[in-house]
Amino acid sequence: MNAPLDIHRFTLEPFDARSFANLCGQFDEHLHQIEKRLDIEIRNRGNQFELVGDASRTQAAENLLQRLYREAQSGTELSPNMVHLFLQESGLEELANPVETPSVTLKTRKAHIRPRGANQQRYVKAILDHDINFGIGPAGTGKTYLAVACAVDALEREQIRRILLVRPAVEAGEKLGFLPGDLSQKIDPYLRPLYDALYEMLGFETVAKLIERQVIEVAPLAYMRGRTLNNSFIILDESQNTTIEQMKMFLTRIGFGSTAVITGDITQVDLPRGTRSGLKHVMEVLADVPGISFTHFKPKDVVRHPLVQRIVEAYERHENRQPTRPERERAQRETRDA
């Protein structure tokens, strides 16, 4: 039997026509977006609102509208993408039962970066408080971008002397041998997301100068062996493609005054069949070690296009379901043929 619909009334104060128009969007597109996402009906006369739907969802909608109105009053130009991000920030559960999380803002030369949602806030706070940090979850959750932001913030506050961007040289469906240049140059295109984040935060010319002076260093994981990294901020990206031995080698490179952030998605391992991911292994080995933080992101934390979240969730459902008999037989034949 369907739960009775709740009618929830509230007023946005103080009323400002420009901020209110910004909140609603063109032809009320922002309100329609919230209605569709939370499965409620929004009625309003001016700044007086009446929300119809499940009680927890109407309360969540009021919390969201209040937050968006504050953003509009502060001069932020709202857009459908921004409304989507606000919906993503906490998830429906946290919108209905808001929990105060200490706000963290990272300051870089070109931008101030505010983590979105409680999980991103926890992730950044963990990086600021721990020397070794793991960010694990699907693409689009901000793991790498926020790690770079923390590194730039620490560099500009002179807490560290250099930033190292590291990635395992694993073929993700493409053959590295056919790419031009040495190993470092072959892997360079794979580090493009890290470069893009640096350019956004520091500017192209500044990044180029810092790389030239080796304040920012980009290196394949293989080049880390034998080094001790002091006063550095080290980011190991795509760590699901490390072997157990490589992960141990990397973690034992960390020296005094250094911070390490290891990011990865355990659902996208490109290692040869039969090779266990160092990230999956280290999650078991270091789970209870003091001073090491693990932040796990979920599909609801995705802050890209709304379809990205649905794609991640669809893959998750598909991988968790039990295979049918024809699928099991086909997998057995493929294993025999291999």
Protein backbone atom coordinates (compact mmCIF):
# COMPACT_ATOMS: atom_id res chain seq x y z
CA MET A 1 0.00 0.00 0.00
CA ASN A 2 1.35 3.42 -0.92
CA ALA A 3 2.47 5.73 1.91
CA PRO A 4 0.24 8.81 2.36
CA LEU A 5 1.51 11.96 0.68
CA ASP A 6 2.75 14.70 2.96
CA ILE A 7 2.15 18.40 2.31
CA HIS A 8 5.10 20.40 3.56
CA ARG A 9 5.00 24.21 3.63
CA PHE A 10 7.79 26.72 4.14
CA THR A 11 8.84 30.24 3.08
CA LEU A 12 12.19 31.38 1.73
CA GLU A 13 13.35 34.48 3.57
CA PRO A 14 14.35 37.22 2.98
CA PHE A 15 12.69 37.51 -0.42
CA ASP A 16 14.87 38.88 -3.23
CA ALA A 17 13.43 38.78 -6.75
CA ARG A 18 16.74 38.31 -8.56
CA SER A 19 17.97 35.54 -6.22
CA PHE A 20 14.59 33.84 -6.41
CA ALA A 21 14.60 33.87 -10.23
CA ASN A 22 18.13 32.44 -10.12
CA LEU A 23 16.92 29.68 -7.80
CA CYS A 24 13.99 28.66 -10.01
CA GLY A 25 15.89 28.81 -13.30
CA GLN A 26 14.54 29.53 -16.77
CA PHE A 27 10.91 28.32 -16.99
CA ASP A 28 11.38 26.82 -13.48
CA GLU A 29 13.81 24.24 -14.89
CA HIS A 30 15.66 23.90 -11.57
CA LEU A 31 12.44 23.21 -9.67
CA HIS A 32 11.37 20.63 -12.28
CA GLN A 33 14.80 18.99 -11.98
CA ILE A 34 14.39 18.63 -8.19
CA GLU A 35 10.81 17.34 -8.62
CA LYS A 36 11.96 14.63 -11.01
CA ARG A 37 14.95 13.58 -8.91
CA LEU A 38 13.13 13.45 -5.55
CA ASP A 39 9.79 12.26 -6.98
CA ILE A 40 7.78 15.07 -5.39
CA GLU A 41 5.57 17.95 -6.56
CA ILE A 42 6.69 21.54 -5.96
CA ARG A 43 4.04 24.28 -5.85
CA ASN A 44 4.88 27.86 -5.06
CA ARG A 45 3.35 31.31 -4.96
CA GLY A 46 6.27 33.69 -4.86
CA ASN A 47 8.61 32.59 -2.07
CA GLN A 48 5.92 30.52 -0.33
CA PHE A 49 6.35 26.82 -1.11
CA GLU A 50 4.16 23.78 -0.80
CA LEU A 51 5.86 20.41 -1.35
CA VAL A 52 3.79 17.27 -1.93
CA GLY A 53 5.26 13.79 -1.53
CA ASP A 54 6.85 11.39 0.94
CA ALA A 55 7.69 13.21 4.21
CA SER A 56 11.42 12.45 4.11
CA ARG A 57 11.67 13.61 0.50
CA THR A 58 9.78 16.86 1.04
CA GLN A 59 12.04 17.63 4.01
CA ALA A 60 15.07 16.83 1.83
CA ALA A 61 13.72 19.18 -0.87
CA GLU A 62 13.29 22.03 1.62
CA ASN A 63 16.89 21.56 2.88
CA LEU A 64 18.11 21.60 -0.72
CA LEU A 65 16.08 24.67 -1.74
CA GLN A 66 17.27 26.56 1.34
CA ARG A 67 20.90 25.79 0.45
CA LEU A 68 20.45 26.71 -3.20
CA TYR A 69 18.73 29.97 -2.21
CA ARG A 70 21.67 30.86 0.03
CA GLU A 71 24.00 30.21 -2.92
CA ALA A 72 21.85 32.41 -5.16
CA GLN A 73 21.86 35.20 -2.55
CA SER A 74 25.67 35.05 -2.38
CA GLY A 75 25.84 35.82 -6.11
CA THR A 76 26.39 32.32 -7.48
CA GLU A 77 24.76 31.84 -10.89
CA LEU A 78 22.87 28.55 -10.58
CA SER A 79 22.66 26.12 -13.48
CA PRO A 80 21.13 22.66 -14.02
CA ASN A 81 24.63 21.16 -13.60
CA MET A 82 25.07 22.91 -10.26
CA VAL A 83 21.64 21.75 -9.06
CA HIS A 84 22.66 18.21 -10.05
CA LEU A 85 25.88 18.56 -8.05
CA PHE A 86 24.00 19.78 -4.99
CA LEU A 87 21.66 16.81 -5.29
CA GLN A 88 24.71 14.55 -5.52
CA GLU A 89 26.59 16.16 -2.64
CA SER A 90 24.89 14.39 0.23
CA GLY A 91 22.48 11.94 -1.29
CA LEU A 92 18.80 11.79 -0.42
CA GLU A 93 19.47 10.23 3.00
CA GLU A 94 21.76 13.04 4.15
CA LEU A 95 19.53 15.73 2.66
CA ALA A 96 16.62 14.42 4.73
CA ASN A 97 18.79 14.17 7.84
CA PRO A 98 21.48 16.84 7.38
CA VAL A 99 24.70 16.32 9.34
CA GLU A 100 26.97 19.25 9.96
CA THR A 101 30.39 18.52 8.50
CA PRO A 102 33.25 20.94 9.12
CA SER A 103 33.76 22.76 5.83
CA VAL A 104 37.20 22.59 4.19
CA THR A 105 38.27 24.91 1.36
CA LEU A 106 41.52 24.45 -0.57
CA LYS A 107 43.17 27.61 -1.86
CA THR A 108 45.22 27.55 -5.05
CA ARG A 109 46.57 30.33 -7.22
CA LYS A 110 43.76 30.18 -9.78
CA ALA A 111 40.82 28.91 -7.75
CA HIS A 112 39.36 28.10 -4.37
CA ILE A 113 38.22 24.48 -4.34
CA ARG A 114 35.46 23.36 -2.00
CA PRO A 115 34.88 19.61 -1.71
CA ARG A 116 31.30 18.71 -2.54
CA GLY A 117 29.39 16.55 -0.12
CA ALA A 118 30.20 14.87 3.16
CA ASN A 119 32.33 12.10 1.61
CA GLN A 120 34.57 14.50 -0.32
CA GLN A 121 34.87 16.66 2.81
CA ARG A 122 35.91 13.61 4.84
CA TYR A 123 38.41 12.63 2.13
CA VAL A 124 40.12 16.04 2.11
CA LYS A 125 40.11 16.22 5.93
CA ALA A 126 41.72 12.77 6.05
CA ILE A 127 44.46 13.89 3.62
CA LEU A 128 45.16 16.94 5.79
CA ASP A 129 45.33 14.79 8.94
CA HIS A 130 47.14 11.62 7.75
CA ASP A 131 50.44 10.88 6.01
CA ILE A 132 49.10 7.98 3.91
CA ASN A 133 45.62 8.10 2.41
CA PHE A 134 43.61 5.88 0.09
CA GLY A 135 40.76 7.16 -2.09
CA ILE A 136 38.89 4.21 -3.56
CA GLY A 137 35.83 4.33 -5.79
CA PRO A 138 34.38 4.76 -9.28
CA ALA A 139 35.35 7.34 -11.88
CA GLY A 140 33.99 10.85 -11.47
CA THR A 141 34.01 10.99 -7.66
CA GLY A 142 36.82 13.57 -7.45
CA LYS A 143 39.49 11.26 -5.96
CA THR A 144 42.37 12.44 -8.13
CA TYR A 145 41.25 16.05 -8.60
CA LEU A 146 40.98 16.66 -4.85
CA ALA A 147 44.32 14.94 -4.22
CA VAL A 148 45.97 17.33 -6.70
CA ALA A 149 44.19 20.26 -5.04
CA CYS A 150 45.55 19.21 -1.63
CA ALA A 151 49.04 18.89 -3.13
CA VAL A 152 48.94 22.37 -4.70
CA ASP A 153 47.52 23.86 -1.49
CA ALA A 154 50.38 22.29 0.54
CA LEU A 155 52.99 23.49 -1.99
CA GLU A 156 51.72 27.07 -1.94
CA ARG A 157 51.70 27.08 1.86
CA GLU A 158 55.31 25.75 1.71
CA GLN A 159 54.46 22.66 3.73
CA ILE A 160 56.19 20.52 1.09
CA ARG A 161 59.00 21.10 -1.41
CA ARG A 162 57.70 19.15 -4.39
CA ILE A 163 54.82 17.21 -5.88
CA LEU A 164 55.26 13.78 -7.45
CA LEU A 165 52.63 12.34 -9.78
CA VAL A 166 53.05 8.59 -10.19
CA ARG A 167 51.23 6.00 -12.28
CA PRO A 168 51.83 2.30 -12.99
CA ALA A 169 52.84 1.62 -16.59
CA VAL A 170 50.08 -0.88 -17.30
CA GLU A 171 48.48 -1.26 -20.72
CA ALA A 172 44.78 -0.40 -20.40
CA GLY A 173 43.74 -2.00 -23.68
CA GLU A 174 46.43 -0.12 -25.62
CA LYS A 175 49.97 -1.31 -26.28
CA LEU A 176 52.58 0.99 -24.71
CA GLY A 177 55.29 -0.38 -26.99
CA PHE A 178 53.70 1.25 -30.05
CA LEU A 179 53.73 4.72 -28.45
CA PRO A 180 56.71 6.96 -29.31
CA GLY A 181 59.46 7.90 -26.84
CA ASP A 182 60.95 6.40 -23.68
CA LEU A 183 58.90 4.93 -20.82
CA SER A 184 58.30 8.33 -19.23
CA GLN A 185 57.08 9.81 -22.53
CA LYS A 186 54.94 6.74 -23.27
CA ILE A 187 53.09 7.10 -19.98
CA ASP A 188 52.78 10.90 -20.19
CA PRO A 189 49.38 10.88 -22.02
CA TYR A 190 47.94 8.63 -19.31
CA LEU A 191 48.65 11.36 -16.73
CA ARG A 192 46.61 13.95 -18.63
CA PRO A 193 43.90 14.22 -15.90
CA LEU A 194 46.61 15.17 -13.40
CA TYR A 195 48.08 17.75 -15.78
CA ASP A 196 44.63 19.22 -16.48
CA ALA A 197 43.96 19.65 -12.76
CA LEU A 198 47.34 21.33 -12.27
CA TYR A 199 46.75 23.72 -15.19
CA GLU A 200 43.36 24.68 -13.75
CA MET A 201 44.81 25.38 -10.31
CA LEU A 202 48.17 26.97 -11.18
CA GLY A 203 48.06 28.00 -14.83
CA PHE A 204 49.92 26.51 -17.79
CA GLU A 205 53.08 28.63 -17.55
CA THR A 206 53.52 28.10 -13.81
CA VAL A 207 53.13 24.33 -14.17
CA ALA A 208 55.68 24.26 -17.02
CA LYS A 209 58.20 26.20 -14.90
CA LEU A 210 57.66 23.98 -11.87
CA ILE A 211 58.14 20.83 -13.98
CA GLU A 212 61.32 22.32 -15.47
CA ARG A 213 62.64 23.01 -11.95
CA GLN A 214 61.51 19.51 -10.87
CA VAL A 215 59.26 20.96 -8.18
CA ILE A 216 56.57 18.95 -9.94
CA GLU A 217 57.78 15.56 -11.11
CA VAL A 218 55.86 13.09 -13.25
CA ALA A 219 57.14 9.53 -13.15
CA PRO A 220 56.12 5.94 -13.88
CA LEU A 221 55.89 3.78 -10.77
CA ALA A 222 58.91 1.74 -11.90
CA TYR A 223 61.09 4.83 -11.37
CA MET A 224 60.26 4.95 -7.63
CA ARG A 225 62.32 1.89 -6.70
CA GLY A 226 65.28 2.73 -4.47
CA ARG A 227 64.15 6.30 -3.70
CA THR A 228 63.22 7.87 -0.35
CA LEU A 229 60.81 10.78 -0.73
CA ASN A 230 61.05 13.45 1.98
CA ASN A 231 59.03 16.69 2.20
CA SER A 232 56.95 15.66 -0.80
CA PHE A 233 53.33 15.20 -1.75
CA ILE A 234 53.06 11.97 -3.73
CA ILE A 235 49.96 10.94 -5.68
CA LEU A 236 49.77 7.39 -7.01
CA ASP A 237 46.94 7.37 -9.54
CA GLU A 238 45.23 4.28 -11.03
CA SER A 239 46.68 2.20 -8.18
CA GLN A 240 44.35 -0.73 -8.94
CA ASN A 241 46.90 -1.56 -11.65
CA THR A 242 49.79 -2.06 -9.23
CA THR A 243 50.93 -5.54 -8.27
CA ILE A 244 51.26 -6.49 -4.59
CA GLU A 245 55.03 -6.05 -4.80
CA GLN A 246 54.76 -2.62 -6.48
CA MET A 247 52.32 -1.34 -3.86
CA LYS A 248 54.61 -2.44 -1.03
CA MET A 249 57.58 -0.84 -2.79
CA PHE A 250 55.70 2.45 -3.23
CA LEU A 251 54.45 2.67 0.35
CA THR A 252 57.94 2.07 1.73
CA ARG A 253 59.31 5.05 -0.27
CA ILE A 254 57.49 7.55 1.98
CA GLY A 255 59.94 9.69 3.97
CA PHE A 256 59.71 12.37 6.65
CA GLY A 257 57.44 15.35 6.04
CA SER A 258 55.68 13.63 3.14
CA THR A 259 52.04 12.92 2.35
CA ALA A 260 50.93 10.15 0.01
CA VAL A 261 47.53 9.77 -1.63
CA ILE A 262 46.76 6.53 -3.43
CA THR A 263 43.70 6.58 -5.69
CA GLY A 264 42.07 3.78 -7.63
CA ASP A 265 38.95 1.95 -8.75
CA ILE A 266 39.02 -1.76 -7.91
CA THR A 267 36.34 -2.45 -10.56
CA GLN A 268 38.68 -1.38 -13.40
CA VAL A 269 41.79 -3.55 -13.02
CA ASP A 270 43.87 -3.89 -16.22
CA LEU A 271 46.49 -6.31 -14.86
CA PRO A 272 47.11 -9.61 -16.66
CA ARG A 273 44.72 -12.41 -15.74
CA GLY A 274 45.84 -14.17 -12.57
CA THR A 275 47.73 -11.15 -11.18
CA ARG A 276 46.18 -9.79 -7.99
CA SER A 277 45.74 -6.04 -7.65
CA GLY A 278 48.01 -4.43 -5.07
CA LEU A 279 45.19 -2.06 -4.16
CA LYS A 280 42.78 -4.88 -3.32
CA HIS A 281 45.51 -6.59 -1.30
CA VAL A 282 46.56 -3.48 0.63
CA MET A 283 42.95 -2.79 1.64
CA GLU A 284 43.11 -6.04 3.63
CA VAL A 285 46.68 -5.66 4.92
CA LEU A 286 46.46 -2.07 6.18
CA ALA A 287 42.77 -1.91 7.13
CA ASP A 288 43.51 -1.65 10.88
CA VAL A 289 46.86 0.17 10.81
CA PRO A 290 46.71 3.48 12.76
CA GLY A 291 47.65 6.66 10.88
CA ILE A 292 46.40 5.43 7.49
CA SER A 293 43.04 6.62 6.13
CA PHE A 294 40.70 4.87 3.70
CA THR A 295 37.91 6.82 2.00
CA HIS A 296 35.47 4.73 -0.03
CA PHE A 297 33.41 6.52 -2.69
CA LYS A 298 30.14 5.15 -4.07
CA PRO A 299 28.16 5.79 -7.26
CA LYS A 300 26.10 8.45 -5.44
CA ASP A 301 29.33 10.48 -5.03
CA VAL A 302 29.83 10.83 -8.81
CA VAL A 303 29.93 14.53 -9.70
CA ARG A 304 30.02 14.25 -13.49
CA HIS A 305 27.09 14.08 -15.93
CA PRO A 306 24.05 12.35 -14.31
CA LEU A 307 24.39 9.50 -16.82
CA VAL A 308 27.84 8.62 -15.42
CA GLN A 309 26.28 7.70 -12.08
CA ARG A 310 23.65 5.55 -13.81
CA ILE A 311 26.34 3.81 -15.89
CA VAL A 312 28.42 3.03 -12.77
CA GLU A 313 25.35 1.70 -10.96
CA ALA A 314 24.33 -0.44 -13.96
CA TYR A 315 27.80 -2.04 -14.14
CA GLU A 316 27.72 -2.61 -10.37
CA ARG A 317 24.33 -4.38 -10.61
CA HIS A 318 25.51 -6.47 -13.56
CA GLU A 319 28.72 -7.56 -11.79
CA ASN A 320 26.89 -8.45 -8.57
CA ARG A 321 24.18 -10.57 -10.19
CA GLN A 322 24.51 -14.32 -10.47
CA PRO A 323 25.46 -15.49 -14.01
CA THR A 324 22.96 -17.60 -15.91
CA ARG A 325 23.79 -21.17 -16.91
CA PRO A 326 24.55 -20.27 -20.58
CA GLU A 327 26.87 -17.48 -19.35
CA ARG A 328 28.71 -19.88 -17.02
CA GLU A 329 29.13 -22.41 -19.83
CA ARG A 330 30.40 -19.72 -22.23
CA ALA A 331 32.92 -18.50 -19.60
CA GLN A 332 34.14 -22.09 -19.11
CA ARG A 333 34.64 -22.52 -22.88
CA GLU A 334 36.55 -19.21 -23.10
CA THR A 335 38.79 -20.28 -20.20
CA ARG A 336 39.54 -23.63 -21.91
CA ASP A 337 40.28 -21.90 -25.23
CA ALA A 338 42.61 -19.39 -23.54
